[in-house]
């Protein structure tokens, strides 16, 4: 087999001196912990050997819902190493959501936090999962206890580029989540392109050993798990690892780092810190933003305060990264390119991007239409949904992103909206149909509509408008409280209003554009 496991490619980039620090973090008790490259090698081998000892069927899924820790990253590496399929789950998901994901993916192994073992294990065993382990953010749990009995050498499983490496669930607009199947080839091709495009270097840096990444993102979605971790590992770069984003801790780490990746909300919170100055950011090489639109006010304020221009990029769970503003003058555009606010830059090398009308006809430069893409980074399809997969690809093999945008005369791509009403709040995807479905089942509710409106901190938040059943008097606050027992907190609308009617067109369809306009200044 010419292609090797993604893990093998990442490990091949480890520095020759395996005793150098690979990850530095702060334990829950405040103690500074340092993990060497040798630690990552040995720990991932032990967990891979544990997984191999379970004699799981080929292609088995390993579903993981744990707090962020270095050990959680090692579990991801070990799953790749052993040749199984990693399935990360948002730590905010509640029992109803976990029940769906476990039932749909049928994982052979589930790993959860020690505190959730009671209810998660019941769901997992009911769905036929054979093995449930625990992993705490303080290096406790049955996973590490069992792995300690296994050897610290392991030969990575042979995998082809088209073999499945991970499944990422993306909430569906109809409320049914879809599992995007990403292969070893998808992930490695994108990581290699980004390493070059974003100018990662193994020389210079604060310790003379090249770039150092501040990792302050969650690791259950593309941005934190794939883009950030793969970039650092593939460059042999040290990570300053933060279990949760803390603006003061990020500022304190900047003199020892060169790269930071964040969602727009994190930049807004950093701008609120008086300590954010040009002096504080002088050692930094690159600030990258994505997962949600970056307001031009944030882009400009960051330039003025730090002297750095944020690099915005665009990607999806199904495709990893698609476009990026240039790190340096882009030769493909005559060397006449810069990072431009309100754009997501150019299609990455190897990525095809086109803008078409509803009849799938190519649109001229500057026209707004549906964005379609193709490339080695585009996923294999939706897990166990062949009809949905076929529907989302054109006859000539382009993936329909569901985003609406335009390409200008210089090739810069701008995203102007989402054809599927998606709300991106603090970097998380929120689908109104899922929230509406939950609201409509509550007592006294006849109908509801959820729309996204601008928010200074989260970029966008949901607002719910509810119509009561005859004789009923539901209250907005009570509806939100009921939702909190069912759904992840990031999905809960920030406000809920009870109205007498919803605006509709002649066909009876709710005109969400009018609702958005009505509430767009709610948080201004």
Protein backbone atom coordinates (compact mmCIF):
# COMPACT_ATOMS: atom_id res chain seq x y z
CA UNK A 1 0.00 0.00 0.00
CA UNK A 2 1.63 3.26 -1.12
CA UNK A 3 -0.32 5.53 1.23
CA UNK A 4 0.14 5.19 4.95
CA UNK A 5 -2.04 5.96 7.93
CA UNK A 6 -2.44 9.71 8.69
CA UNK A 7 -0.86 9.03 12.08
CA UNK A 8 2.30 7.77 10.35
CA UNK A 9 2.59 11.05 8.42
CA UNK A 10 2.13 13.10 11.59
CA UNK A 11 4.63 11.01 13.55
CA UNK A 12 7.20 11.25 10.74
CA UNK A 13 7.27 15.02 11.36
CA UNK A 14 8.15 14.69 15.06
CA UNK A 15 11.54 16.32 15.83
CA UNK A 16 14.60 14.05 15.95
CA UNK A 17 15.03 14.95 19.63
CA UNK A 18 11.94 13.26 21.07
CA UNK A 19 12.67 14.65 24.54
CA UNK A 20 11.79 18.20 23.50
CA UNK A 21 8.48 19.55 24.83
CA UNK A 22 5.61 18.86 22.43
CA UNK A 23 2.75 20.16 24.60
CA UNK A 24 2.73 22.43 27.63
CA UNK A 25 -0.45 22.74 29.65
CA UNK A 26 -1.81 23.66 33.06
CA UNK A 27 -3.46 20.89 35.09
CA UNK A 28 -6.81 21.52 36.87
CA UNK A 29 -4.81 21.92 40.12
CA UNK A 30 -2.70 24.72 38.55
CA UNK A 31 0.43 22.63 38.05
CA UNK A 32 2.35 23.13 34.77
CA UNK A 33 2.61 19.87 32.81
CA UNK A 34 4.98 19.20 29.92
CA UNK A 35 4.58 16.32 27.49
CA UNK A 36 7.54 15.38 25.29
CA UNK A 37 7.25 14.01 21.76
CA UNK A 38 8.32 10.68 23.26
CA UNK A 39 5.35 10.91 25.67
CA UNK A 40 2.96 11.35 22.73
CA UNK A 41 4.58 8.41 20.92
CA UNK A 42 4.41 6.05 23.93
CA UNK A 43 0.99 7.11 25.24
CA UNK A 44 -0.67 6.81 21.83
CA UNK A 45 0.96 3.36 21.40
CA UNK A 46 -0.43 2.13 24.74
CA UNK A 47 -3.99 3.25 23.89
CA UNK A 48 -3.68 1.88 20.33
CA UNK A 49 -2.58 -1.47 21.80
CA UNK A 50 -5.56 -1.41 24.17
CA UNK A 51 -7.94 -0.80 21.24
CA UNK A 52 -6.24 -3.54 19.20
CA UNK A 53 -6.61 -5.98 22.14
CA UNK A 54 -10.40 -5.55 21.99
CA UNK A 55 -10.39 -7.30 18.58
CA UNK A 56 -12.85 -4.81 17.12
CA UNK A 57 -14.26 -5.30 13.62
CA UNK A 58 -12.55 -3.45 10.74
CA UNK A 59 -13.77 0.17 10.49
CA UNK A 60 -15.10 0.28 14.07
CA UNK A 61 -16.08 3.69 15.39
CA UNK A 62 -14.69 5.11 18.64
CA UNK A 63 -17.13 7.75 19.96
CA UNK A 64 -15.63 10.27 22.37
CA UNK A 65 -17.38 12.84 24.58
CA UNK A 66 -14.79 14.09 27.07
CA UNK A 67 -13.45 17.38 28.34
CA UNK A 68 -10.45 18.83 26.50
CA UNK A 69 -7.13 17.43 27.68
CA UNK A 70 -3.83 16.34 26.18
CA UNK A 71 -4.90 12.75 26.87
CA UNK A 72 -8.05 13.33 24.76
CA UNK A 73 -5.78 14.38 21.86
CA UNK A 74 -3.65 11.28 22.44
CA UNK A 75 -6.81 9.15 22.24
CA UNK A 76 -7.52 10.69 18.81
CA UNK A 77 -3.98 9.86 17.66
CA UNK A 78 -4.25 6.33 19.06
CA UNK A 79 -7.54 5.74 17.22
CA UNK A 80 -5.91 6.74 13.92
CA UNK A 81 -2.85 4.66 14.78
CA UNK A 82 -4.94 1.54 15.47
CA UNK A 83 -6.84 2.06 12.20
CA UNK A 84 -10.27 2.82 13.68
CA UNK A 85 -12.66 5.72 13.05
CA UNK A 86 -12.71 8.67 15.47
CA UNK A 87 -16.10 10.18 16.32
CA UNK A 88 -15.79 13.37 18.45
CA UNK A 89 -18.92 14.62 20.22
CA UNK A 90 -19.51 18.09 21.63
CA UNK A 91 -19.24 18.08 25.43
CA UNK A 92 -22.46 20.13 25.63
CA UNK A 93 -24.63 17.39 24.08
CA UNK A 94 -27.36 16.02 26.35
CA UNK A 95 -28.81 12.51 26.60
CA UNK A 96 -31.30 12.81 23.70
CA UNK A 97 -28.54 13.97 21.35
CA UNK A 98 -26.04 11.31 22.50
CA UNK A 99 -28.72 8.64 22.09
CA UNK A 100 -29.16 9.62 18.44
CA UNK A 101 -25.42 9.75 17.64
CA UNK A 102 -24.65 6.43 19.35
CA UNK A 103 -27.69 4.78 17.77
CA UNK A 104 -26.77 6.07 14.32
CA UNK A 105 -23.01 5.48 14.36
CA UNK A 106 -23.13 2.23 16.38
CA UNK A 107 -19.65 2.73 17.87
CA UNK A 108 -17.78 -0.32 19.14
CA UNK A 109 -16.17 1.85 21.84
CA UNK A 110 -17.52 4.88 23.71
CA UNK A 111 -15.31 7.09 25.91
CA UNK A 112 -16.99 9.59 28.26
CA UNK A 113 -16.13 11.67 31.33
CA UNK A 114 -16.16 9.76 34.64
CA UNK A 115 -19.07 11.88 35.87
CA UNK A 116 -21.26 10.94 32.88
CA UNK A 117 -20.51 7.21 32.92
CA UNK A 118 -23.86 6.31 34.53
CA UNK A 119 -26.14 7.67 31.83
CA UNK A 120 -23.79 7.42 28.84
CA UNK A 121 -23.03 3.73 29.46
CA UNK A 122 -26.76 2.91 29.62
CA UNK A 123 -27.31 4.55 26.22
CA UNK A 124 -24.22 2.86 24.76
CA UNK A 125 -25.00 -0.66 26.01
CA UNK A 126 -28.62 -0.36 24.83
CA UNK A 127 -27.29 0.51 21.35
CA UNK A 128 -25.04 -2.56 21.32
CA UNK A 129 -21.70 -0.90 22.18
CA UNK A 130 -19.43 -3.48 23.81
CA UNK A 131 -16.88 -1.22 25.51
CA UNK A 132 -17.36 2.00 27.52
CA UNK A 133 -14.32 3.71 29.05
CA UNK A 134 -13.93 6.92 31.04
CA UNK A 135 -11.38 9.70 30.65
CA UNK A 136 -11.16 12.71 32.97
CA UNK A 137 -9.41 16.02 32.29
CA UNK A 138 -7.19 15.29 35.32
CA UNK A 139 -5.55 12.14 33.82
CA UNK A 140 -7.98 9.80 35.59
CA UNK A 141 -10.38 7.20 34.21
CA UNK A 142 -10.58 3.57 33.14
CA UNK A 143 -9.11 4.23 29.66
CA UNK A 144 -5.70 5.23 31.03
CA UNK A 145 -5.84 2.58 33.77
CA UNK A 146 -6.40 -0.16 31.17
CA UNK A 147 -3.90 1.31 28.67
CA UNK A 148 -1.17 1.31 31.35
CA UNK A 149 -1.06 -2.50 31.12
CA UNK A 150 -0.14 -2.40 27.42
CA UNK A 151 3.21 -1.91 25.69
CA UNK A 152 4.50 1.48 24.51
CA UNK A 153 5.41 0.38 20.98
CA UNK A 154 2.84 -0.15 18.24
CA UNK A 155 3.04 -0.57 14.48
CA UNK A 156 0.40 1.75 12.91
CA UNK A 157 -2.34 -0.02 10.97
CA UNK A 158 -1.91 0.16 7.18
CA UNK A 159 -4.53 2.48 5.69
CA UNK A 160 -5.26 3.77 2.20
CA UNK A 161 -6.09 7.38 1.32
CA UNK A 162 -9.76 6.43 0.87
CA UNK A 163 -10.07 4.66 4.23
CA UNK A 164 -12.27 6.32 6.81
CA UNK A 165 -10.45 8.24 9.60
CA UNK A 166 -13.22 10.25 11.29
CA UNK A 167 -16.94 10.97 11.29
CA UNK A 168 -18.11 14.47 12.22
CA UNK A 169 -21.81 14.97 12.85
CA UNK A 170 -23.34 18.14 11.41
CA UNK A 171 -26.87 18.99 12.47
CA UNK A 172 -29.35 18.73 9.61
CA UNK A 173 -31.74 21.52 8.67
CA UNK A 174 -34.57 19.01 9.13
CA UNK A 175 -33.33 18.29 12.65
CA UNK A 176 -31.66 14.98 11.68
CA UNK A 177 -27.88 15.11 12.07
CA UNK A 178 -25.65 13.80 9.30
CA UNK A 179 -22.28 12.11 9.85
CA UNK A 180 -19.67 13.52 7.45
CA UNK A 181 -17.18 10.75 6.60
CA UNK A 182 -13.60 12.05 6.35
CA UNK A 183 -10.79 9.85 5.07
CA UNK A 184 -7.07 9.66 5.89
CA UNK A 185 -6.46 11.25 2.46
CA UNK A 186 -8.93 14.09 3.07
CA UNK A 187 -7.26 15.06 6.34
CA UNK A 188 -3.63 14.67 5.26
CA UNK A 189 -4.01 16.50 1.93
CA UNK A 190 -5.58 19.50 3.67
CA UNK A 191 -2.98 19.55 6.46
CA UNK A 192 -0.10 19.50 3.97
CA UNK A 193 -1.60 22.37 1.95
CA UNK A 194 -2.18 24.52 5.07
CA UNK A 195 1.33 23.87 6.41
CA UNK A 196 2.75 25.42 3.25
CA UNK A 197 0.09 28.07 2.64
CA UNK A 198 0.27 29.48 6.16
CA UNK A 199 4.08 29.54 6.22
CA UNK A 200 4.71 27.12 9.11
CA UNK A 201 8.40 26.94 9.87
CA UNK A 202 10.63 24.69 11.98
CA UNK A 203 13.29 27.38 12.49
CA UNK A 204 13.31 30.65 14.43
CA UNK A 205 10.47 31.08 16.92
CA UNK A 206 10.77 32.00 20.62
CA UNK A 207 12.91 28.96 21.52
CA UNK A 208 14.76 28.72 18.20
CA UNK A 209 12.67 25.66 17.33
CA UNK A 210 10.14 27.19 14.95
CA UNK A 211 6.49 28.00 15.37
CA UNK A 212 4.63 27.58 18.65
CA UNK A 213 0.83 27.30 18.61
CA UNK A 214 -1.53 28.60 21.30
CA UNK A 215 -4.28 25.95 21.22
CA UNK A 216 -7.35 27.43 22.93
CA UNK A 217 -10.12 25.84 20.80
CA UNK A 218 -12.37 22.85 21.63
CA UNK A 219 -11.28 19.57 20.00
CA UNK A 220 -14.64 18.16 18.94
CA UNK A 221 -14.85 20.01 15.62
CA UNK A 222 -12.76 20.66 12.50
CA UNK A 223 -11.06 23.89 13.63
CA UNK A 224 -9.52 22.68 16.90
CA UNK A 225 -9.16 18.95 16.15
CA UNK A 226 -7.94 18.89 12.57
CA UNK A 227 -6.76 22.34 11.46
CA UNK A 228 -4.89 23.32 14.65
CA UNK A 229 -3.57 19.94 15.88
CA UNK A 230 -2.54 18.62 12.46
CA UNK A 231 -0.74 21.87 11.61
CA UNK A 232 1.31 21.80 14.81
CA UNK A 233 2.14 18.08 14.67
CA UNK A 234 2.98 18.12 10.96
CA UNK A 235 5.43 20.94 11.62
CA UNK A 236 6.91 19.38 14.76
CA UNK A 237 5.69 22.48 16.62
CA UNK A 238 5.16 22.87 20.33
CA UNK A 239 1.61 23.61 21.51
CA UNK A 240 0.67 25.74 24.50
CA UNK A 241 -2.50 23.84 25.35
CA UNK A 242 -5.44 25.50 27.11
CA UNK A 243 -8.32 23.38 28.37
CA UNK A 244 -10.61 26.40 28.06
CA UNK A 245 -10.20 29.79 26.41
CA UNK A 246 -9.10 32.45 28.89
CA UNK A 247 -8.15 35.80 27.33
CA UNK A 248 -5.67 36.67 30.10
CA UNK A 249 -3.95 33.29 29.74
CA UNK A 250 -3.72 33.73 25.96
CA UNK A 251 -2.13 37.17 26.40
CA UNK A 252 0.33 35.74 28.93
CA UNK A 253 1.31 33.02 26.44
CA UNK A 254 1.85 35.31 23.43
CA UNK A 255 5.53 36.16 24.17
CA UNK A 256 6.30 32.42 24.00
CA UNK A 257 4.21 31.68 20.88
CA UNK A 258 3.89 32.57 17.19
CA UNK A 259 0.47 31.32 15.99
CA UNK A 260 -3.07 31.64 17.38
CA UNK A 261 -6.28 30.25 15.90
CA UNK A 262 -9.69 31.37 17.12
CA UNK A 263 -13.32 31.91 16.28
CA UNK A 264 -14.41 35.59 16.04
CA UNK A 265 -15.87 35.49 19.57
CA UNK A 266 -12.38 34.84 20.98
CA UNK A 267 -10.97 37.89 19.18
CA UNK A 268 -13.81 40.05 20.53
CA UNK A 269 -12.99 38.88 24.06
CA UNK A 270 -9.26 39.49 23.61
CA UNK A 271 -10.00 43.03 22.37
CA UNK A 272 -11.82 43.65 25.67
CA UNK A 273 -8.51 43.10 27.51
CA UNK A 274 -6.49 46.31 28.22
CA UNK A 275 -3.32 44.19 28.06
CA UNK A 276 -3.77 43.53 24.32
CA UNK A 277 -1.15 45.82 22.76
CA UNK A 278 1.42 45.81 19.95
CA UNK A 279 4.05 45.02 22.57
CA UNK A 280 2.07 42.00 23.84
CA UNK A 281 1.71 40.61 20.29
CA UNK A 282 5.17 41.50 18.96
CA UNK A 283 6.47 37.89 18.91
CA UNK A 284 3.36 36.55 17.16
CA UNK A 285 3.57 35.64 13.48
CA UNK A 286 -0.02 34.80 12.57
CA UNK A 287 -3.58 35.17 13.86
CA UNK A 288 -6.16 33.00 12.05
CA UNK A 289 -9.97 33.32 12.34
CA UNK A 290 -12.71 31.06 11.11
CA UNK A 291 -15.83 28.97 11.90
CA UNK A 292 -18.01 32.10 11.74
CA UNK A 293 -18.03 35.48 9.96
CA UNK A 294 -15.55 38.01 11.36
CA UNK A 295 -17.11 41.46 11.64
CA UNK A 296 -15.12 44.17 9.83
CA UNK A 297 -15.12 46.17 13.09
CA UNK A 298 -13.25 43.31 14.82
CA UNK A 299 -10.85 42.95 11.87
CA UNK A 300 -10.02 46.68 11.92
CA UNK A 301 -9.82 47.00 15.72
CA UNK A 302 -7.37 44.07 15.84
CA UNK A 303 -5.14 45.72 13.21
CA UNK A 304 -5.09 48.98 15.15
CA UNK A 305 -4.46 47.41 18.58
CA UNK A 306 -1.87 44.77 17.66
CA UNK A 307 -0.38 45.78 14.31
CA UNK A 308 -1.38 42.33 12.99
CA UNK A 309 -3.91 41.58 10.25
CA UNK A 310 -6.14 38.59 11.04
CA UNK A 311 -6.13 35.91 8.33
CA UNK A 312 -9.70 34.75 7.67
CA UNK A 313 -10.41 31.40 6.08
CA UNK A 314 -13.44 29.27 5.19
CA UNK A 315 -14.17 25.60 5.65
CA UNK A 316 -16.82 23.06 6.63
CA UNK A 317 -17.09 19.76 8.49
CA UNK A 318 -17.50 18.06 5.10
CA UNK A 319 -14.46 19.63 3.46
CA UNK A 320 -12.04 20.88 6.17
CA UNK A 321 -10.47 24.11 4.80
CA UNK A 322 -11.52 25.41 1.36
CA UNK A 323 -10.24 28.98 1.06
CA UNK A 324 -7.85 31.29 2.88
CA UNK A 325 -6.65 34.83 2.76
CA UNK A 326 -2.96 34.76 1.82
CA UNK A 327 -0.22 34.48 4.42
CA UNK A 328 2.19 36.09 2.00
CA UNK A 329 1.69 37.68 -1.46
CA UNK A 330 0.08 34.92 -3.52
CA UNK A 331 2.01 34.14 -6.73
CA UNK A 332 -1.17 32.82 -8.34
CA UNK A 333 -2.52 36.35 -8.23
CA UNK A 334 0.55 38.12 -9.58
CA UNK A 335 1.91 38.68 -6.08
CA UNK A 336 -0.67 41.47 -5.68
CA UNK A 337 -2.67 40.10 -2.79
CA UNK A 338 -3.26 40.98 0.82
CA UNK A 339 -5.52 39.87 3.64
CA UNK A 340 -8.85 41.55 3.10
CA UNK A 341 -11.54 41.94 5.74
CA UNK A 342 -15.02 40.59 4.95
CA UNK A 343 -13.53 38.04 2.55
CA UNK A 344 -12.30 34.47 3.06
CA UNK A 345 -9.52 34.82 0.51
CA UNK A 346 -8.75 32.49 -2.39
CA UNK A 347 -9.50 28.79 -2.99
CA UNK A 348 -6.60 26.79 -1.53
CA UNK A 349 -4.22 25.00 -3.93
CA UNK A 350 -5.98 21.89 -5.26
CA UNK A 351 -9.46 23.16 -4.33
CA UNK A 352 -11.96 23.98 -7.07
CA UNK A 353 -14.63 26.56 -6.21
CA UNK A 354 -17.45 27.83 -8.42
CA UNK A 355 -20.51 30.03 -7.98
CA UNK A 356 -23.66 28.87 -9.79
CA UNK A 357 -27.34 29.80 -10.05
CA UNK A 358 -30.21 27.54 -8.98
CA UNK A 359 -30.13 25.86 -12.39
CA UNK A 360 -26.42 24.98 -11.82
CA UNK A 361 -25.16 27.46 -14.43
CA UNK A 362 -21.87 29.24 -13.75
CA UNK A 363 -22.31 32.89 -12.77
CA UNK A 364 -20.10 35.77 -13.91
CA UNK A 365 -17.52 37.41 -11.62
CA UNK A 366 -19.18 39.43 -8.83
CA UNK A 367 -22.59 37.73 -9.11
CA UNK A 368 -24.02 36.16 -5.94
CA UNK A 369 -24.95 32.49 -6.11
CA UNK A 370 -24.53 28.99 -4.66
CA UNK A 371 -20.99 27.92 -3.77
CA UNK A 372 -19.87 24.47 -4.96
CA UNK A 373 -16.46 22.89 -4.37
CA UNK A 374 -14.31 19.91 -5.26
CA UNK A 375 -10.87 18.65 -4.25
CA UNK A 376 -8.96 15.95 -2.34
CA UNK A 377 -10.24 17.45 0.94
CA UNK A 378 -13.94 16.93 0.10
CA UNK A 379 -15.50 14.18 2.20
CA UNK A 380 -16.54 10.69 1.15
CA UNK A 381 -20.23 11.21 1.90
CA UNK A 382 -22.74 11.07 4.76
CA UNK A 383 -22.66 8.04 7.04
CA UNK A 384 -25.40 5.56 6.06
CA UNK A 385 -27.21 8.21 3.98
CA UNK A 386 -26.50 7.35 0.32
CA UNK A 387 -29.54 9.26 -0.97
CA UNK A 388 -28.58 12.42 0.96
CA UNK A 389 -24.98 12.08 -0.27
CA UNK A 390 -26.12 11.80 -3.90
CA UNK A 391 -28.40 14.81 -3.44
CA UNK A 392 -25.54 16.99 -2.14
CA UNK A 393 -23.26 16.37 -5.14
CA UNK A 394 -23.81 17.59 -8.69
CA UNK A 395 -23.79 15.23 -11.67
CA UNK A 396 -20.21 16.33 -12.44
CA UNK A 397 -18.99 15.67 -8.89
CA UNK A 398 -19.05 19.08 -7.16
CA UNK A 399 -20.21 19.34 -3.53
CA UNK A 400 -23.03 21.81 -2.84
CA UNK A 401 -21.90 23.68 0.28
CA UNK A 402 -25.27 25.29 0.98
CA UNK A 403 -23.46 28.63 1.32
CA UNK A 404 -24.19 31.63 -0.86
CA UNK A 405 -21.36 33.89 -1.98
CA UNK A 406 -19.46 35.63 -4.74
CA UNK A 407 -15.97 35.81 -6.25
CA UNK A 408 -14.64 39.26 -7.19
CA UNK A 409 -12.45 40.23 -10.16
CA UNK A 410 -9.28 39.53 -8.13
CA UNK A 411 -10.42 36.05 -7.08
CA UNK A 412 -11.34 36.85 -3.46
CA UNK A 413 -14.28 34.80 -2.18
CA UNK A 414 -16.92 36.39 0.07
CA UNK A 415 -19.64 34.45 1.89
CA UNK A 416 -22.82 36.52 1.91
CA UNK A 417 -25.30 34.14 3.47
CA UNK A 418 -26.44 30.58 3.99
CA UNK A 419 -29.10 28.99 1.90
CA UNK A 420 -30.10 26.70 4.74
CA UNK A 421 -30.73 29.31 7.46
CA UNK A 422 -27.80 28.13 9.55
CA UNK A 423 -26.94 30.25 12.61
CA UNK A 424 -23.24 30.28 13.60
CA UNK A 425 -23.05 31.29 17.25
CA UNK A 426 -19.60 31.61 18.84
CA UNK A 427 -18.24 29.31 16.15
CA UNK A 428 -20.86 26.58 16.70
CA UNK A 429 -23.44 25.60 14.10
CA UNK A 430 -27.07 26.00 15.21
CA UNK A 431 -29.86 24.76 12.94
CA UNK A 432 -33.21 26.53 13.51
CA UNK A 433 -35.27 23.49 12.43
CA UNK A 434 -33.89 21.42 15.31
CA UNK A 435 -34.72 24.13 17.87
CA UNK A 436 -38.18 24.75 16.36
CA UNK A 437 -38.96 21.04 16.53
CA UNK A 438 -38.14 20.99 20.27
CA UNK A 439 -40.15 24.18 20.98
CA UNK A 440 -43.19 22.95 19.04
CA UNK A 441 -43.46 19.89 21.29
CA UNK A 442 -43.72 22.00 24.46
CA UNK A 443 -47.12 22.44 26.13
CA UNK A 444 -49.13 25.43 24.90
CA UNK A 445 -47.02 26.00 21.76
CA UNK A 446 -48.75 25.97 18.37
CA UNK A 447 -45.80 27.02 16.21
CA UNK A 448 -42.38 28.65 16.39
CA UNK A 449 -39.69 30.25 14.25
CA UNK A 450 -36.02 30.67 15.17
CA UNK A 451 -33.78 33.19 13.40
CA UNK A 452 -30.21 34.37 13.84
CA UNK A 453 -29.51 38.01 14.68
CA UNK A 454 -26.21 39.91 15.12
CA UNK A 455 -24.59 39.77 18.56
CA UNK A 456 -21.48 41.73 19.67
CA UNK A 457 -19.87 38.77 21.45
CA UNK A 458 -21.09 35.59 19.72
CA UNK A 459 -21.34 37.07 16.21
CA UNK A 460 -24.84 35.68 15.88
CA UNK A 461 -27.41 34.26 18.31
CA UNK A 462 -30.84 32.68 17.98
CA UNK A 463 -34.08 34.46 18.74
CA UNK A 464 -37.29 32.41 19.00
CA UNK A 465 -40.77 33.68 18.18
CA UNK A 466 -43.59 31.49 19.46
CA UNK A 467 -47.32 31.33 18.67
CA UNK A 468 -49.51 30.03 21.52
CA UNK A 469 -52.26 27.43 21.22
CA UNK A 470 -55.78 28.81 21.77
CA UNK A 471 -56.34 29.37 25.48
CA UNK A 472 -52.69 28.78 26.39
CA UNK A 473 -50.29 31.42 27.75
CA UNK A 474 -46.72 30.11 27.37
CA UNK A 475 -43.95 32.35 28.67
CA UNK A 476 -40.71 32.99 26.84
CA UNK A 477 -38.44 32.40 29.85
CA UNK A 478 -40.21 29.11 30.70
CA UNK A 479 -39.77 27.90 27.11
CA UNK A 480 -36.02 28.64 27.22
CA UNK A 481 -35.74 26.87 30.59
CA UNK A 482 -37.48 23.79 29.16
CA UNK A 483 -35.11 23.77 26.16
CA UNK A 484 -32.06 23.82 28.46
CA UNK A 485 -33.05 20.37 29.75
CA UNK A 486 -33.08 18.96 26.21
CA UNK A 487 -30.44 20.70 24.11
CA UNK A 488 -26.82 21.80 24.28
CA UNK A 489 -26.51 25.30 25.75
CA UNK A 490 -25.04 26.84 22.58
CA UNK A 491 -28.26 25.95 20.73
CA UNK A 492 -30.56 27.75 23.18
CA UNK A 493 -31.95 31.04 21.76
CA UNK A 494 -30.89 34.10 23.74
CA UNK A 495 -34.44 35.48 23.74
CA UNK A 496 -37.93 34.04 23.21
CA UNK A 497 -40.95 36.19 22.33
CA UNK A 498 -44.60 35.14 22.28
CA UNK A 499 -46.46 36.71 19.32
CA UNK A 500 -49.95 36.52 17.85
CA UNK A 501 -48.78 35.60 14.36
CA UNK A 502 -45.72 34.97 12.17
CA UNK A 503 -45.14 36.92 8.94
CA UNK A 504 -45.93 34.75 5.88
CA UNK A 505 -45.78 34.98 2.11
CA UNK A 506 -48.61 34.12 -0.29
CA UNK A 507 -47.67 30.43 -0.10
CA UNK A 508 -48.00 30.50 3.70
CA UNK A 509 -44.25 30.12 4.27
CA UNK A 510 -42.82 31.99 7.28
CA UNK A 511 -40.78 34.97 6.08
CA UNK A 512 -37.74 34.67 8.29
CA UNK A 513 -36.08 37.62 6.57
CA UNK A 514 -38.77 39.87 8.08
CA UNK A 515 -38.26 38.37 11.54
CA UNK A 516 -34.50 38.89 11.26
CA UNK A 517 -35.09 42.51 10.27
CA UNK A 518 -37.47 42.98 13.20
CA UNK A 519 -34.97 41.75 15.80
CA UNK A 520 -31.62 42.62 14.19
CA UNK A 521 -30.91 45.49 16.62
CA UNK A 522 -31.97 43.54 19.71
CA UNK A 523 -28.37 43.16 20.97
CA UNK A 524 -26.85 46.23 19.31
